[in-house]
Amino acid sequence: AGAISFEDGIKAVPRLGNDAKLEEG
């Protein structure tokens, strides 16, 4: 199919604080 831009894909990754509440399980 062809992938999206490499850098766009990386920028879309959510960055969280180290004590962010993560989804249980």
PDB file of all heavy atoms in Angstrom:
ATOM      1  N   ALA A   1       0.811  -1.212   0.000  1.00  0.00           N
ATOM      2  CA  ALA A   1       0.000   0.000   0.000  1.00  0.00           C
ATOM      3  C   ALA A   1       0.850   1.270   0.000  1.00  0.00           C
ATOM      4  O   ALA A   1       0.479   2.283  -0.589  1.00  0.00           O
ATOM      5  CB  ALA A   1      -0.929   0.000   1.221  1.00  0.00           C
ATOM      6  N   GLY A   2       2.015   1.207   0.677  1.00  0.00           N
ATOM      7  CA  GLY A   2       2.848   2.393   0.842  1.00  0.00           C
ATOM      8  C   GLY A   2       2.601   3.028   2.196  1.00  0.00           C
ATOM      9  O   GLY A   2       1.453   3.256   2.594  1.00  0.00           O
ATOM     10  N   ALA A   3       3.682   3.301   2.921  1.00  0.00           N
ATOM     11  CA  ALA A   3       3.575   3.822   4.286  1.00  0.00           C
ATOM     12  C   ALA A   3       3.557   5.343   4.307  1.00  0.00           C
ATOM     13  O   ALA A   3       4.003   6.005   3.364  1.00  0.00           O
ATOM     14  CB  ALA A   3       4.759   3.318   5.123  1.00  0.00           C
ATOM     15  N   ILE A   4       3.067   5.889   5.411  1.00  0.00           N
ATOM     16  CA  ILE A   4       3.116   7.339   5.615  1.00  0.00           C
ATOM     17  C   ILE A   4       4.554   7.771   5.861  1.00  0.00           C
ATOM     18  O   ILE A   4       5.445   6.943   6.045  1.00  0.00           O
ATOM     19  CB  ILE A   4       2.228   7.765   6.804  1.00  0.00           C
ATOM     20  CG1 ILE A   4       2.775   7.185   8.127  1.00  0.00           C
ATOM     21  CG2 ILE A   4       0.793   7.355   6.590  1.00  0.00           C
ATOM     22  CD1 ILE A   4       2.128   7.773   9.361  1.00  0.00           C
ATOM     23  N   SER A   5       4.790   9.060   5.869  1.00  0.00           N
ATOM     24  CA  SER A   5       6.116   9.615   6.117  1.00  0.00           C
ATOM     25  C   SER A   5       6.700   9.090   7.421  1.00  0.00           C
ATOM     26  O   SER A   5       6.012   9.017   8.441  1.00  0.00           O
ATOM     27  CB  SER A   5       6.029  11.143   6.166  1.00  0.00           C
ATOM     28  OG  SER A   5       7.081  11.719   6.902  1.00  0.00           O
ATOM     29  N   PHE A   6       7.973   8.736   7.389  1.00  0.00           N
ATOM     30  CA  PHE A   6       8.669   8.219   8.567  1.00  0.00           C
ATOM     31  C   PHE A   6       8.612   9.215   9.723  1.00  0.00           C
ATOM     32  O   PHE A   6       8.207   8.876  10.840  1.00  0.00           O
ATOM     33  CB  PHE A   6      10.122   7.928   8.185  1.00  0.00           C
ATOM     34  CG  PHE A   6      10.988   7.392   9.293  1.00  0.00           C
ATOM     35  CD1 PHE A   6      10.685   6.202   9.921  1.00  0.00           C
ATOM     36  CD2 PHE A   6      12.130   8.076   9.681  1.00  0.00           C
ATOM     37  CE1 PHE A   6      11.500   5.693  10.928  1.00  0.00           C
ATOM     38  CE2 PHE A   6      12.953   7.586  10.684  1.00  0.00           C
ATOM     39  CZ  PHE A   6      12.630   6.395  11.312  1.00  0.00           C
ATOM     40  N   GLU A   7       8.983  10.457   9.474  1.00  0.00           N
ATOM     41  CA  GLU A   7       9.003  11.456  10.538  1.00  0.00           C
ATOM     42  C   GLU A   7       7.600  11.793  11.016  1.00  0.00           C
ATOM     43  O   GLU A   7       7.382  12.015  12.209  1.00  0.00           O
ATOM     44  CB  GLU A   7       9.733  12.722  10.076  1.00  0.00           C
ATOM     45  CG  GLU A   7      11.221  12.517   9.797  1.00  0.00           C
ATOM     46  CD  GLU A   7      12.019  12.122  11.039  1.00  0.00           C
ATOM     47  OE1 GLU A   7      11.541  12.338  12.168  1.00  0.00           O
ATOM     48  OE2 GLU A   7      13.132  11.580  10.863  1.00  0.00           O
ATOM     49  N   ASP A   8       6.615  11.808  10.127  1.00  0.00           N
ATOM     50  CA  ASP A   8       5.230  12.062  10.548  1.00  0.00           C
ATOM     51  C   ASP A   8       4.737  10.952  11.466  1.00  0.00           C
ATOM     52  O   ASP A   8       4.034  11.211  12.454  1.00  0.00           O
ATOM     53  CB  ASP A   8       4.310  12.162   9.326  1.00  0.00           C
ATOM     54  CG  ASP A   8       4.493  13.468   8.563  1.00  0.00           C
ATOM     55  OD1 ASP A   8       5.166  14.380   9.095  1.00  0.00           O
ATOM     56  OD2 ASP A   8       3.974  13.562   7.431  1.00  0.00           O
ATOM     57  N   GLY A   9       5.106   9.718  11.139  1.00  0.00           N
ATOM     58  CA  GLY A   9       4.713   8.597  11.988  1.00  0.00           C
ATOM     59  C   GLY A   9       5.308   8.695  13.375  1.00  0.00           C
ATOM     60  O   GLY A   9       4.645   8.422  14.383  1.00  0.00           O
ATOM     61  N   ILE A  10       6.567   9.121  13.452  1.00  0.00           N
ATOM     62  CA  ILE A  10       7.248   9.253  14.732  1.00  0.00           C
ATOM     63  C   ILE A  10       6.656  10.403  15.544  1.00  0.00           C
ATOM     64  O   ILE A  10       6.427  10.278  16.762  1.00  0.00           O
ATOM     65  CB  ILE A  10       8.756   9.461  14.512  1.00  0.00           C
ATOM     66  CG1 ILE A  10       9.386   8.155  14.016  1.00  0.00           C
ATOM     67  CG2 ILE A  10       9.452   9.939  15.784  1.00  0.00           C
ATOM     68  CD1 ILE A  10      10.786   8.300  13.510  1.00  0.00           C
ATOM     69  N   LYS A  11       6.373  11.517  14.888  1.00  0.00           N
ATOM     70  CA  LYS A  11       5.805  12.678  15.593  1.00  0.00           C
ATOM     71  C   LYS A  11       4.428  12.373  16.167  1.00  0.00           C
ATOM     72  O   LYS A  11       4.004  12.995  17.149  1.00  0.00           O
ATOM     73  CB  LYS A  11       5.723  13.874  14.644  1.00  0.00           C
ATOM     74  CG  LYS A  11       7.068  14.479  14.291  1.00  0.00           C
ATOM     75  CD  LYS A  11       6.924  15.568  13.242  1.00  0.00           C
ATOM     76  CE  LYS A  11       8.283  16.106  12.811  1.00  0.00           C
ATOM     77  NZ  LYS A  11       8.171  17.081  11.693  1.00  0.00           N
ATOM     78  N   ALA A  12       3.715  11.437  15.567  1.00  0.00           N
ATOM     79  CA  ALA A  12       2.365  11.104  16.026  1.00  0.00           C
ATOM     80  C   ALA A  12       2.355  10.234  17.282  1.00  0.00           C
ATOM     81  O   ALA A  12       1.306  10.050  17.907  1.00  0.00           O
ATOM     82  CB  ALA A  12       1.597  10.401  14.907  1.00  0.00           C
ATOM     83  N   VAL A  13       3.517   9.688  17.660  1.00  0.00           N
ATOM     84  CA  VAL A  13       3.580   8.853  18.863  1.00  0.00           C
ATOM     85  C   VAL A  13       3.373   9.736  20.095  1.00  0.00           C
ATOM     86  O   VAL A  13       4.117  10.696  20.310  1.00  0.00           O
ATOM     87  CB  VAL A  13       4.936   8.124  18.959  1.00  0.00           C
ATOM     88  CG1 VAL A  13       5.048   7.367  20.285  1.00  0.00           C
ATOM     89  CG2 VAL A  13       5.104   7.159  17.789  1.00  0.00           C
ATOM     90  N   PRO A  14       2.375   9.448  20.962  1.00  0.00           N
ATOM     91  CA  PRO A  14       2.138  10.267  22.151  1.00  0.00           C
ATOM     92  C   PRO A  14       3.307  10.164  23.133  1.00  0.00           C
ATOM     93  O   PRO A  14       3.761   9.066  23.450  1.00  0.00           O
ATOM     94  CB  PRO A  14       0.868   9.662  22.760  1.00  0.00           C
ATOM     95  CG  PRO A  14       0.229   8.894  21.651  1.00  0.00           C
ATOM     96  CD  PRO A  14       1.359   8.393  20.808  1.00  0.00           C
ATOM     97  N   ARG A  15       3.814  11.300  23.589  1.00  0.00           N
ATOM     98  CA  ARG A  15       4.857  11.341  24.611  1.00  0.00           C
ATOM     99  C   ARG A  15       4.191  11.630  25.952  1.00  0.00           C
ATOM    100  O   ARG A  15       3.454  12.611  26.087  1.00  0.00           O
ATOM    101  CB  ARG A  15       5.897  12.411  24.293  1.00  0.00           C
ATOM    102  CG  ARG A  15       6.661  12.184  22.986  1.00  0.00           C
ATOM    103  CD  ARG A  15       7.507  10.935  23.027  1.00  0.00           C
ATOM    104  NE  ARG A  15       8.379  10.836  21.863  1.00  0.00           N
ATOM    105  CZ  ARG A  15       9.698  11.026  21.906  1.00  0.00           C
ATOM    106  NH1 ARG A  15      10.301  11.316  23.037  1.00  0.00           N
ATOM    107  NH2 ARG A  15      10.419  10.915  20.810  1.00  0.00           N
ATOM    108  N   LEU A  16       4.450  10.792  26.930  1.00  0.00           N
ATOM    109  CA  LEU A  16       3.811  10.897  28.240  1.00  0.00           C
ATOM    110  C   LEU A  16       4.834  11.210  29.320  1.00  0.00           C
ATOM    111  O   LEU A  16       6.016  10.862  29.198  1.00  0.00           O
ATOM    112  CB  LEU A  16       3.092   9.589  28.587  1.00  0.00           C
ATOM    113  CG  LEU A  16       2.116   9.018  27.547  1.00  0.00           C
ATOM    114  CD1 LEU A  16       1.556   7.686  28.051  1.00  0.00           C
ATOM    115  CD2 LEU A  16       1.001  10.001  27.242  1.00  0.00           C
ATOM    116  N   GLY A  17       4.374  11.838  30.399  1.00  0.00           N
ATOM    117  CA  GLY A  17       5.214  12.022  31.564  1.00  0.00           C
ATOM    118  C   GLY A  17       5.485  10.686  32.216  1.00  0.00           C
ATOM    119  O   GLY A  17       4.687   9.742  32.089  1.00  0.00           O
ATOM    120  N   ASN A  18       6.608  10.575  32.925  1.00  0.00           N
ATOM    121  CA  ASN A  18       6.980   9.257  33.449  1.00  0.00           C
ATOM    122  C   ASN A  18       5.992   8.711  34.476  1.00  0.00           C
ATOM    123  O   ASN A  18       5.960   7.501  34.716  1.00  0.00           O
ATOM    124  CB  ASN A  18       8.401   9.281  34.033  1.00  0.00           C
ATOM    125  CG  ASN A  18       8.516  10.161  35.260  1.00  0.00           C
ATOM    126  OD1 ASN A  18       7.885  11.213  35.342  1.00  0.00           O
ATOM    127  ND2 ASN A  18       9.338   9.754  36.212  1.00  0.00           N
ATOM    128  N   ASP A  19       5.186   9.574  35.079  1.00  0.00           N
ATOM    129  CA  ASP A  19       4.184   9.097  36.036  1.00  0.00           C
ATOM    130  C   ASP A  19       2.763   9.250  35.511  1.00  0.00           C
ATOM    131  O   ASP A  19       1.802   9.341  36.278  1.00  0.00           O
ATOM    132  CB  ASP A  19       4.355   9.820  37.372  1.00  0.00           C
ATOM    133  CG  ASP A  19       5.577   9.327  38.143  1.00  0.00           C
ATOM    134  OD1 ASP A  19       5.904   8.125  38.022  1.00  0.00           O
ATOM    135  OD2 ASP A  19       6.220  10.134  38.840  1.00  0.00           O
ATOM    136  N   ALA A  20       2.624   9.273  34.207  1.00  0.00           N
ATOM    137  CA  ALA A  20       1.297   9.352  33.605  1.00  0.00           C
ATOM    138  C   ALA A  20       0.499   8.098  33.966  1.00  0.00           C
ATOM    139  O   ALA A  20       1.060   7.006  34.128  1.00  0.00           O
ATOM    140  CB  ALA A  20       1.421   9.471  32.086  1.00  0.00           C
ATOM    141  N   LYS A  21      -0.799   8.260  34.077  1.00  0.00           N
ATOM    142  CA  LYS A  21      -1.660   7.117  34.374  1.00  0.00           C
ATOM    143  C   LYS A  21      -1.871   6.316  33.090  1.00  0.00           C
ATOM    144  O   LYS A  21      -2.382   6.832  32.101  1.00  0.00           O
ATOM    145  CB  LYS A  21      -3.006   7.597  34.927  1.00  0.00           C
ATOM    146  CG  LYS A  21      -3.936   6.457  35.329  1.00  0.00           C
ATOM    147  CD  LYS A  21      -5.178   6.984  36.000  1.00  0.00           C
ATOM    148  CE  LYS A  21      -6.172   5.866  36.297  1.00  0.00           C
ATOM    149  NZ  LYS A  21      -5.583   4.798  37.139  1.00  0.00           N
ATOM    150  N   LEU A  22      -1.458   5.067  33.115  1.00  0.00           N
ATOM    151  CA  LEU A  22      -1.571   4.208  31.941  1.00  0.00           C
ATOM    152  C   LEU A  22      -2.850   3.392  32.015  1.00  0.00           C
ATOM    153  O   LEU A  22      -3.348   3.087  33.102  1.00  0.00           O
ATOM    154  CB  LEU A  22      -0.357   3.280  31.844  1.00  0.00           C
ATOM    155  CG  LEU A  22       1.028   3.954  31.895  1.00  0.00           C
ATOM    156  CD1 LEU A  22       2.117   2.927  31.631  1.00  0.00           C
ATOM    157  CD2 LEU A  22       1.123   5.108  30.906  1.00  0.00           C
ATOM    158  N   GLU A  23      -3.354   3.030  30.868  1.00  0.00           N
ATOM    159  CA  GLU A  23      -4.579   2.239  30.811  1.00  0.00           C
ATOM    160  C   GLU A  23      -4.375   0.898  31.521  1.00  0.00           C
ATOM    161  O   GLU A  23      -3.416   0.164  31.242  1.00  0.00           O
ATOM    162  CB  GLU A  23      -4.965   2.002  29.353  1.00  0.00           C
ATOM    163  CG  GLU A  23      -6.235   1.188  29.169  1.00  0.00           C
ATOM    164  CD  GLU A  23      -6.515   0.912  27.706  1.00  0.00           C
ATOM    165  OE1 GLU A  23      -6.266   1.812  26.874  1.00  0.00           O
ATOM    166  OE2 GLU A  23      -6.959  -0.215  27.397  1.00  0.00           O
ATOM    167  N   GLU A  24      -5.267   0.607  32.424  1.00  0.00           N
ATOM    168  CA  GLU A  24      -5.130  -0.627  33.218  1.00  0.00           C
ATOM    169  C   GLU A  24      -5.221  -1.859  32.323  1.00  0.00           C
ATOM    170  O   GLU A  24      -6.094  -1.965  31.468  1.00  0.00           O
ATOM    171  CB  GLU A  24      -6.228  -0.676  34.293  1.00  0.00           C
ATOM    172  CG  GLU A  24      -6.049  -1.809  35.288  1.00  0.00           C
ATOM    173  CD  GLU A  24      -7.045  -1.742  36.426  1.00  0.00           C
ATOM    174  OE1 GLU A  24      -7.719  -0.695  36.575  1.00  0.00           O
ATOM    175  OE2 GLU A  24      -7.154  -2.735  37.163  1.00  0.00           O
ATOM    176  N   GLY A  25      -4.281  -2.772  32.521  1.00  0.00           N
ATOM    177  CA  GLY A  25      -4.269  -4.015  31.759  1.00  0.00           C
ATOM    178  C   GLY A  25      -3.606  -3.923  30.409  1.00  0.00           C
ATOM    179  O   GLY A  25      -3.462  -4.936  29.717  1.00  0.00           O
TER     180      GLY A  25
END
